[in-house]
C-alpha atoms as a PDB file:
ATOM      1  CA  MET A   1      27.040-115.358  51.216  1.00  0.00           C
ATOM      2  CA  SER A   2      27.963-119.013  51.513  1.00  0.00           C
ATOM      3  CA  GLU A   3      31.182-120.466  50.157  1.00  0.00           C
ATOM      4  CA  ASP A   4      29.233-122.290  47.448  1.00  0.00           C
ATOM      5  CA  GLU A   5      27.630-119.045  46.291  1.00  0.00           C
ATOM      6  CA  GLN A   6      30.989-117.277  46.264  1.00  0.00           C
ATOM      7  CA  LEU A   7      32.516-120.032  44.131  1.00  0.00           C
ATOM      8  CA  ARG A   8      29.551-119.936  41.759  1.00  0.00           C
ATOM      9  CA  LYS A   9      29.916-116.142  41.441  1.00  0.00           C
ATOM     10  CA  LYS A  10      33.651-116.410  40.693  1.00  0.00           C
ATOM     11  CA  ALA A  11      33.018-119.205  38.184  1.00  0.00           C
ATOM     12  CA  LYS A  12      30.427-117.050  36.419  1.00  0.00           C
ATOM     13  CA  GLU A  13      32.858-114.113  36.258  1.00  0.00           C
ATOM     14  CA  ARG A  14      35.593-116.369  34.794  1.00  0.00           C
ATOM     15  CA  ALA A  15      33.147-117.812  32.259  1.00  0.00           C
ATOM     16  CA  GLU A  16      32.123-114.289  31.217  1.00  0.00           C
ATOM     17  CA  LEU A  17      35.789-113.356  30.707  1.00  0.00           C
ATOM     18  CA  LYS A  18      36.288-116.411  28.494  1.00  0.00           C
ATOM     19  CA  VAL A  19      33.145-115.725  26.462  1.00  0.00           C
ATOM     20  CA  GLY A  20      34.302-112.129  26.039  1.00  0.00           C
ATOM     21  CA  PHE A  21      37.623-113.403  24.703  1.00  0.00           C
ATOM     22  CA  TYR A  22      35.874-115.811  22.331  1.00  0.00           C
ATOM     23  CA  TRP A  23      34.025-112.790  20.860  1.00  0.00           C
ATOM     24  CA  HIS A  24      37.107-110.573  20.873  1.00  0.00           C
ATOM     25  CA  LEU A  25      39.315-112.973  18.887  1.00  0.00           C
ATOM     26  CA  PRO A  26      37.186-113.369  15.719  1.00  0.00           C
ATOM     27  CA  ILE A  27      36.381-109.651  15.671  1.00  0.00           C
ATOM     28  CA  TYR A  28      40.116-108.921  15.844  1.00  0.00           C
ATOM     29  CA  VAL A  29      40.815-111.305  12.971  1.00  0.00           C
ATOM     30  CA  ILE A  30      37.960-110.048  10.764  1.00  0.00           C
ATOM     31  CA  VAL A  31      38.691-106.348  11.291  1.00  0.00           C
ATOM     32  CA  ASN A  32      42.414-106.772  10.694  1.00  0.00           C
ATOM     33  CA  ILE A  33      41.819-108.779   7.516  1.00  0.00           C
ATOM     34  CA  MET A  34      39.568-105.965   6.314  1.00  0.00           C
ATOM     35  CA  LEU A  35      42.219-103.359   7.165  1.00  0.00           C
ATOM     36  CA  PHE A  36      44.832-105.372   5.285  1.00  0.00           C
ATOM     37  CA  LEU A  37      42.542-105.657   2.254  1.00  0.00           C
ATOM     38  CA  ILE A  38      41.872-101.912   2.303  1.00  0.00           C
ATOM     39  CA  TRP A  39      45.609-101.276   2.354  1.00  0.00           C
ATOM     40  CA  PHE A  40      46.233-103.885  -0.362  1.00  0.00           C
ATOM     41  CA  TYR A  41      43.610-102.521  -2.765  1.00  0.00           C
ATOM     42  CA  THR A  42      44.394 -98.827  -2.236  1.00  0.00           C
ATOM     43  CA  GLY A  43      47.945 -98.760  -3.457  1.00  0.00           C
ATOM     44  CA  GLN A  44      50.073-100.688  -0.949  1.00  0.00           C
ATOM     45  CA  GLY A  45      51.979 -97.685   0.324  1.00  0.00           C
ATOM     46  CA  PHE A  46      53.186 -97.585   3.887  1.00  0.00           C
ATOM     47  CA  PRO A  47      51.756-100.640   5.704  1.00  0.00           C
ATOM     48  CA  TRP A  48      49.691 -98.637   8.209  1.00  0.00           C
ATOM     49  CA  PHE A  49      47.526-101.666   9.056  1.00  0.00           C
ATOM     50  CA  ILE A  50      50.340-103.020  11.242  1.00  0.00           C
ATOM     51  CA  PHE A  51      49.648-100.453  13.962  1.00  0.00           C
ATOM     52  CA  PRO A  52      46.141-101.643  14.884  1.00  0.00           C
ATOM     53  CA  LEU A  53      47.306-105.211  14.271  1.00  0.00           C
ATOM     54  CA  ILE A  54      50.123-104.894  16.819  1.00  0.00           C
ATOM     55  CA  PHE A  55      48.529-102.689  19.462  1.00  0.00           C
ATOM     56  CA  TRP A  56      45.123-104.352  19.374  1.00  0.00           C
ATOM     57  CA  GLY A  57      47.008-107.677  19.396  1.00  0.00           C
ATOM     58  CA  ILE A  58      48.713-106.680  22.638  1.00  0.00           C
ATOM     59  CA  GLY A  59      45.289-105.985  24.138  1.00  0.00           C
ATOM     60  CA  LEU A  60      43.993-109.310  22.847  1.00  0.00           C
ATOM     61  CA  VAL A  61      46.901-111.182  24.426  1.00  0.00           C
ATOM     62  CA  ALA A  62      46.280-109.398  27.732  1.00  0.00           C
ATOM     63  CA  HIS A  63      42.589-110.325  27.524  1.00  0.00           C
ATOM     64  CA  GLY A  64      43.494-113.964  26.845  1.00  0.00           C
ATOM     65  CA  LEU A  65      45.986-114.097  29.696  1.00  0.00           C
ATOM     66  CA  ASN A  66      43.426-112.616  32.053  1.00  0.00           C
ATOM     67  CA  ALA A  67      40.732-115.044  30.915  1.00  0.00           C
ATOM     68  CA  PHE A  68      42.762-118.265  30.834  1.00  0.00           C
ATOM     69  CA  ILE A  69      45.949-117.896  32.859  1.00  0.00           C
ATOM     70  CA  SER A  70      45.211-115.538  35.724  1.00  0.00           C
ATOM     71  CA  THR A  71      44.111-117.169  38.964  1.00  0.00           C
ATOM     72  CA  GLY A  72      42.476-114.002  40.188  1.00  0.00           C
ATOM     73  CA  SER A  73      42.722-110.307  39.710  1.00  0.00           C
ATOM     74  CA  PHE A  74      45.775-108.464  40.936  1.00  0.00           C
ATOM     75  CA  THR A  75      43.564-106.476  43.297  1.00  0.00           C
ATOM     76  CA  GLU A  76      42.103-109.668  44.804  1.00  0.00           C
ATOM     77  CA  ARG A  77      45.580-111.126  45.381  1.00  0.00           C
ATOM     78  CA  MET A  78      46.805-107.906  46.983  1.00  0.00           C
ATOM     79  CA  ALA A  79      43.704-107.741  49.190  1.00  0.00           C
ATOM     80  CA  GLU A  80      44.285-111.317  50.315  1.00  0.00           C
ATOM     81  CA  LYS A  81      47.925-110.540  51.190  1.00  0.00           C
ATOM     82  CA  GLU A  82      46.860-107.467  53.165  1.00  0.00           C
ATOM     83  CA  ASN A  83      44.189-109.502  54.955  1.00  0.00           C
ATOM     84  CA  GLU A  84      46.765-112.119  55.975  1.00  0.00           C
ATOM     85  CA  LYS A  85      49.181-109.404  57.105  1.00  0.00           C
ATOM     86  CA  MET A  86      46.503-107.735  59.216  1.00  0.00           C
ATOM     87  CA  LYS A  87      45.562-111.044  60.830  1.00  0.00           C
ATOM     88  CA  LYS A  88      49.223-111.668  61.634  1.00  0.00           C
ATOM     89  CA  ASP A  89      49.674-108.151  63.101  1.00  0.00           C
ATOM     90  CA  ARG A  90      46.616-108.595  65.338  1.00  0.00           C
ATOM     91  CA  ARG A  91      48.191-111.517  67.153  1.00  0.00           C
END
């Protein structure tokens, strides 16, 4: 596979991550609004809706960081380090 094809493949993977996040965010907002409304209209006891709000929110933040901040997967970075180490040891 040429370098151009590899870059195109990585760009497609990054674009798919971003599109996935763009779907994830509005679904998170809509579902959590619905959960809040269910809680609000059923007596407003213990605010149980905060649990999916917080824990799903943590997942959403991780998804966003992976899609927009990460420069590559952890596995890819580790593989690159190991590759460099092996090249160095061969000399």
